[in-house]
Amino acid sequence: MQWTSLVAIFGLFWVLGALVALPIGLRTPDEVSGHQVEPGHADSAPVNFRPKKVVFRATVMAAVLTGLFYLNWMNGWVTRDQLNIFGDPPVKDLGY
C-alpha cells in the first residue's frame, strides 16, 4: 500500500471520527443551571463547545482505525470475499 493511500484513508477516518465526536459532551442551556440565552442565539446552541477536544478525539479515533485497517491489509484478516453478501455474480466474464 502506498503512503498516499494511507494518508487518504486516515483523512476519511478522521472526518468520520470528527462527526462521531462532535456531539459528545455538549450541553444545551436547558441542561446548565443558571445559564441565560442571549438575544440572537439559538436555544439549542451548545454552551460548552470545545473544538480542541473534538480534534483530539477524532485524531485518536482515526489513528486507531487506520492502524487496524493497515494491519488487516497486511495480514488479510477480513477479505472482500468474506464481505460479499450477494454471492457469486451470475456471469463471471462479461466479455470486455
N, C-alpha and C. Protein backbone atom coordinates (compact mmCIF):
# COMPACT_ATOMS: atom_id res chain seq x y z
N MET A 1 0.84 -1.17 0.00
CA MET A 1 0.00 0.00 0.00
C MET A 1 0.89 1.24 0.00
N GLN A 2 0.56 2.19 -0.84
CA GLN A 2 1.34 3.42 -0.91
C GLN A 2 1.01 4.33 0.27
N TRP A 3 1.96 5.18 0.64
CA TRP A 3 1.75 6.05 1.79
C TRP A 3 0.67 7.09 1.52
N THR A 4 0.48 7.46 0.26
CA THR A 4 -0.57 8.42 -0.05
C THR A 4 -1.96 7.81 0.16
N SER A 5 -2.08 6.53 -0.13
CA SER A 5 -3.35 5.85 0.13
C SER A 5 -3.62 5.80 1.63
N LEU A 6 -2.59 5.56 2.41
CA LEU A 6 -2.74 5.53 3.86
C LEU A 6 -3.14 6.90 4.41
N VAL A 7 -2.59 7.96 3.84
CA VAL A 7 -2.96 9.32 4.27
C VAL A 7 -4.42 9.61 3.91
N ALA A 8 -4.85 9.18 2.73
CA ALA A 8 -6.23 9.39 2.32
C ALA A 8 -7.19 8.61 3.22
N ILE A 9 -6.84 7.39 3.56
CA ILE A 9 -7.68 6.59 4.45
C ILE A 9 -7.73 7.21 5.84
N PHE A 10 -6.58 7.74 6.31
CA PHE A 10 -6.57 8.43 7.59
C PHE A 10 -7.51 9.64 7.53
N GLY A 11 -7.49 10.38 6.44
CA GLY A 11 -8.37 11.54 6.30
C GLY A 11 -9.84 11.16 6.34
N LEU A 12 -10.18 10.07 5.66
CA LEU A 12 -11.57 9.61 5.70
C LEU A 12 -11.98 9.20 7.11
N PHE A 13 -11.11 8.45 7.79
CA PHE A 13 -11.41 8.06 9.16
C PHE A 13 -11.45 9.27 10.09
N TRP A 14 -10.64 10.30 9.81
CA TRP A 14 -10.63 11.49 10.66
C TRP A 14 -11.97 12.24 10.54
N VAL A 15 -12.47 12.39 9.33
CA VAL A 15 -13.76 13.07 9.14
C VAL A 15 -14.86 12.27 9.82
N LEU A 16 -14.84 10.96 9.66
CA LEU A 16 -15.82 10.11 10.33
C LEU A 16 -15.71 10.26 11.84
N GLY A 17 -14.49 10.26 12.36
CA GLY A 17 -14.28 10.42 13.80
C GLY A 17 -14.73 11.78 14.30
N ALA A 18 -14.52 12.82 13.51
CA ALA A 18 -14.96 14.16 13.91
C ALA A 18 -16.48 14.23 13.98
N LEU A 19 -17.15 13.62 13.01
CA LEU A 19 -18.61 13.63 13.03
C LEU A 19 -19.16 12.83 14.21
N VAL A 20 -18.47 11.77 14.59
CA VAL A 20 -18.89 10.99 15.75
C VAL A 20 -18.59 11.75 17.04
N ALA A 21 -17.46 12.45 17.11
CA ALA A 21 -17.04 13.11 18.35
C ALA A 21 -17.73 14.45 18.58
N LEU A 22 -18.30 15.06 17.57
CA LEU A 22 -18.91 16.39 17.74
C LEU A 22 -19.96 16.45 18.85
N PRO A 23 -20.92 15.57 18.90
CA PRO A 23 -21.96 15.73 19.92
C PRO A 23 -21.59 15.22 21.31
N ILE A 24 -20.43 14.60 21.48
CA ILE A 24 -20.07 14.02 22.78
C ILE A 24 -19.76 15.13 23.77
N GLY A 25 -20.47 15.13 24.87
CA GLY A 25 -20.20 16.05 25.97
C GLY A 25 -20.79 17.44 25.83
N LEU A 26 -21.55 17.70 24.78
CA LEU A 26 -22.15 19.03 24.63
C LEU A 26 -23.34 19.19 25.56
N ARG A 27 -23.51 20.40 26.06
CA ARG A 27 -24.65 20.71 26.92
C ARG A 27 -25.38 21.93 26.35
N THR A 28 -26.69 21.86 26.38
CA THR A 28 -27.51 22.98 25.94
C THR A 28 -27.83 23.86 27.15
N PRO A 29 -28.31 25.07 26.93
CA PRO A 29 -28.64 25.95 28.07
C PRO A 29 -29.67 25.35 29.02
N ASP A 30 -30.54 24.47 28.51
CA ASP A 30 -31.53 23.84 29.39
C ASP A 30 -30.88 22.89 30.39
N GLU A 31 -29.73 22.33 30.04
CA GLU A 31 -29.05 21.37 30.91
C GLU A 31 -28.11 22.04 31.91
N VAL A 32 -27.79 23.29 31.71
CA VAL A 32 -26.86 24.01 32.59
C VAL A 32 -27.67 24.98 33.44
N SER A 33 -27.57 24.84 34.74
CA SER A 33 -28.35 25.72 35.61
C SER A 33 -27.74 27.12 35.65
N GLY A 34 -28.58 28.11 35.57
CA GLY A 34 -28.15 29.49 35.67
C GLY A 34 -27.64 30.11 34.39
N HIS A 35 -27.67 29.40 33.29
CA HIS A 35 -27.19 29.96 32.03
C HIS A 35 -28.33 30.67 31.32
N GLN A 36 -28.11 31.91 30.94
CA GLN A 36 -29.11 32.69 30.22
C GLN A 36 -28.74 32.74 28.74
N VAL A 37 -29.71 32.51 27.90
CA VAL A 37 -29.50 32.59 26.46
C VAL A 37 -29.58 34.06 26.06
N GLU A 38 -28.55 34.53 25.39
CA GLU A 38 -28.52 35.93 24.96
C GLU A 38 -29.39 36.11 23.72
N PRO A 39 -29.90 37.30 23.52
CA PRO A 39 -30.73 37.55 22.34
C PRO A 39 -29.95 37.31 21.05
N GLY A 40 -30.60 36.64 20.12
CA GLY A 40 -29.97 36.35 18.84
C GLY A 40 -29.32 34.98 18.79
N HIS A 41 -29.21 34.29 19.92
CA HIS A 41 -28.62 32.96 19.95
C HIS A 41 -29.72 31.92 19.95
N ALA A 42 -29.45 30.79 19.36
CA ALA A 42 -30.43 29.71 19.34
C ALA A 42 -30.53 29.06 20.71
N ASP A 43 -31.73 28.62 21.06
CA ASP A 43 -31.91 27.94 22.35
C ASP A 43 -31.19 26.61 22.41
N SER A 44 -30.93 26.03 21.26
CA SER A 44 -30.27 24.71 21.21
C SER A 44 -28.76 24.81 21.03
N ALA A 45 -28.21 26.02 20.99
CA ALA A 45 -26.77 26.17 20.80
C ALA A 45 -26.02 25.63 22.00
N PRO A 46 -24.92 24.91 21.77
CA PRO A 46 -24.18 24.35 22.91
C PRO A 46 -23.51 25.44 23.74
N VAL A 47 -23.44 25.19 25.03
CA VAL A 47 -22.83 26.14 25.96
C VAL A 47 -21.33 25.90 26.06
N ASN A 48 -20.91 24.65 25.97
CA ASN A 48 -19.51 24.30 26.25
C ASN A 48 -18.83 23.60 25.07
N PHE A 49 -18.91 24.16 23.89
CA PHE A 49 -18.26 23.55 22.73
C PHE A 49 -16.75 23.71 22.84
N ARG A 50 -16.03 22.60 22.71
CA ARG A 50 -14.57 22.61 22.80
C ARG A 50 -13.98 21.95 21.55
N PRO A 51 -13.59 22.74 20.56
CA PRO A 51 -13.10 22.17 19.31
C PRO A 51 -11.78 21.42 19.46
N LYS A 52 -10.94 21.80 20.42
CA LYS A 52 -9.68 21.07 20.61
C LYS A 52 -9.92 19.64 21.05
N LYS A 53 -10.94 19.43 21.88
CA LYS A 53 -11.27 18.06 22.30
C LYS A 53 -11.80 17.25 21.13
N VAL A 54 -12.60 17.89 20.28
CA VAL A 54 -13.14 17.20 19.10
C VAL A 54 -12.00 16.78 18.18
N VAL A 55 -11.05 17.68 17.95
CA VAL A 55 -9.90 17.38 17.09
C VAL A 55 -9.06 16.26 17.70
N PHE A 56 -8.84 16.30 19.00
CA PHE A 56 -8.05 15.26 19.67
C PHE A 56 -8.74 13.90 19.57
N ARG A 57 -10.04 13.88 19.88
CA ARG A 57 -10.77 12.61 19.83
C ARG A 57 -10.82 12.06 18.40
N ALA A 58 -11.03 12.93 17.43
CA ALA A 58 -11.07 12.49 16.03
C ALA A 58 -9.72 11.96 15.58
N THR A 59 -8.63 12.59 16.02
CA THR A 59 -7.29 12.15 15.64
C THR A 59 -6.97 10.79 16.25
N VAL A 60 -7.32 10.61 17.51
CA VAL A 60 -7.06 9.32 18.16
C VAL A 60 -7.88 8.22 17.49
N MET A 61 -9.16 8.52 17.24
CA MET A 61 -10.02 7.52 16.60
C MET A 61 -9.53 7.18 15.20
N ALA A 62 -9.10 8.19 14.44
CA ALA A 62 -8.60 7.95 13.08
C ALA A 62 -7.29 7.16 13.11
N ALA A 63 -6.42 7.45 14.07
CA ALA A 63 -5.15 6.71 14.16
C ALA A 63 -5.40 5.24 14.47
N VAL A 64 -6.31 4.97 15.40
CA VAL A 64 -6.62 3.58 15.76
C VAL A 64 -7.25 2.85 14.58
N LEU A 65 -8.24 3.47 13.94
CA LEU A 65 -8.92 2.82 12.81
C LEU A 65 -7.99 2.63 11.61
N THR A 66 -7.11 3.61 11.36
CA THR A 66 -6.15 3.47 10.26
C THR A 66 -5.16 2.36 10.57
N GLY A 67 -4.72 2.27 11.81
CA GLY A 67 -3.83 1.18 12.21
C GLY A 67 -4.47 -0.18 12.03
N LEU A 68 -5.74 -0.30 12.45
CA LEU A 68 -6.45 -1.57 12.26
C LEU A 68 -6.65 -1.88 10.78
N PHE A 69 -6.95 -0.86 9.99
CA PHE A 69 -7.11 -1.07 8.54
C PHE A 69 -5.81 -1.56 7.92
N TYR A 70 -4.70 -0.94 8.30
CA TYR A 70 -3.41 -1.32 7.73
C TYR A 70 -3.03 -2.75 8.16
N LEU A 71 -3.26 -3.06 9.43
CA LEU A 71 -2.96 -4.43 9.90
C LEU A 71 -3.82 -5.45 9.16
N ASN A 72 -5.09 -5.12 8.94
CA ASN A 72 -5.95 -6.02 8.18
C ASN A 72 -5.46 -6.16 6.75
N TRP A 73 -4.98 -5.07 6.16
CA TRP A 73 -4.47 -5.10 4.79
C TRP A 73 -3.25 -6.03 4.70
N MET A 74 -2.36 -5.93 5.67
CA MET A 74 -1.14 -6.72 5.65
C MET A 74 -1.39 -8.19 6.00
N ASN A 75 -2.29 -8.46 6.96
CA ASN A 75 -2.49 -9.83 7.44
C ASN A 75 -3.66 -10.55 6.78
N GLY A 76 -4.55 -9.81 6.13
CA GLY A 76 -5.67 -10.43 5.43
C GLY A 76 -6.70 -11.06 6.34
N TRP A 77 -7.00 -10.42 7.47
CA TRP A 77 -7.97 -10.98 8.41
C TRP A 77 -9.37 -11.03 7.80
N VAL A 78 -9.80 -9.93 7.20
CA VAL A 78 -11.11 -9.86 6.56
C VAL A 78 -10.87 -9.48 5.09
N THR A 79 -11.34 -10.34 4.19
CA THR A 79 -11.13 -10.10 2.77
C THR A 79 -12.43 -9.65 2.11
N ARG A 80 -12.33 -9.22 0.85
CA ARG A 80 -13.52 -8.82 0.11
C ARG A 80 -14.47 -9.99 -0.09
N ASP A 81 -13.93 -11.18 -0.26
CA ASP A 81 -14.79 -12.35 -0.46
C ASP A 81 -15.63 -12.63 0.78
N GLN A 82 -15.09 -12.34 1.95
CA GLN A 82 -15.84 -12.57 3.19
C GLN A 82 -16.94 -11.53 3.39
N LEU A 83 -16.80 -10.37 2.77
CA LEU A 83 -17.80 -9.32 2.91
C LEU A 83 -18.86 -9.37 1.82
N ASN A 84 -18.73 -10.27 0.84
CA ASN A 84 -19.67 -10.37 -0.26
C ASN A 84 -20.94 -11.06 0.23
N ILE A 85 -22.01 -10.28 0.40
CA ILE A 85 -23.26 -10.86 0.91
C ILE A 85 -24.19 -11.29 -0.21
N PHE A 86 -23.85 -10.96 -1.46
CA PHE A 86 -24.73 -11.28 -2.59
C PHE A 86 -24.34 -12.56 -3.31
N GLY A 87 -23.24 -13.19 -2.93
CA GLY A 87 -22.81 -14.42 -3.59
C GLY A 87 -22.05 -14.12 -4.88
N ASP A 88 -21.84 -15.17 -5.67
CA ASP A 88 -21.12 -15.02 -6.93
C ASP A 88 -21.99 -14.32 -7.97
N PRO A 89 -21.38 -13.53 -8.84
CA PRO A 89 -22.17 -12.90 -9.91
C PRO A 89 -22.66 -13.96 -10.89
N PRO A 90 -23.78 -13.71 -11.56
CA PRO A 90 -24.32 -14.71 -12.47
C PRO A 90 -23.41 -14.96 -13.67
N VAL A 91 -22.64 -13.95 -14.09
CA VAL A 91 -21.74 -14.12 -15.23
C VAL A 91 -20.36 -13.64 -14.78
N LYS A 92 -19.39 -14.53 -14.86
CA LYS A 92 -18.02 -14.18 -14.42
C LYS A 92 -17.32 -13.28 -15.44
N ASP A 93 -17.45 -13.61 -16.72
CA ASP A 93 -16.76 -12.86 -17.76
C ASP A 93 -17.80 -12.15 -18.61
N LEU A 94 -17.74 -10.81 -18.57
CA LEU A 94 -18.69 -10.04 -19.36
C LEU A 94 -18.22 -9.81 -20.79
N GLY A 95 -17.03 -10.28 -21.14
CA GLY A 95 -16.54 -10.18 -22.50
C GLY A 95 -15.91 -8.84 -22.84
N TYR A 96 -15.50 -8.09 -21.86
CA TYR A 96 -14.87 -6.79 -22.16
C TYR A 96 -13.44 -6.97 -22.51
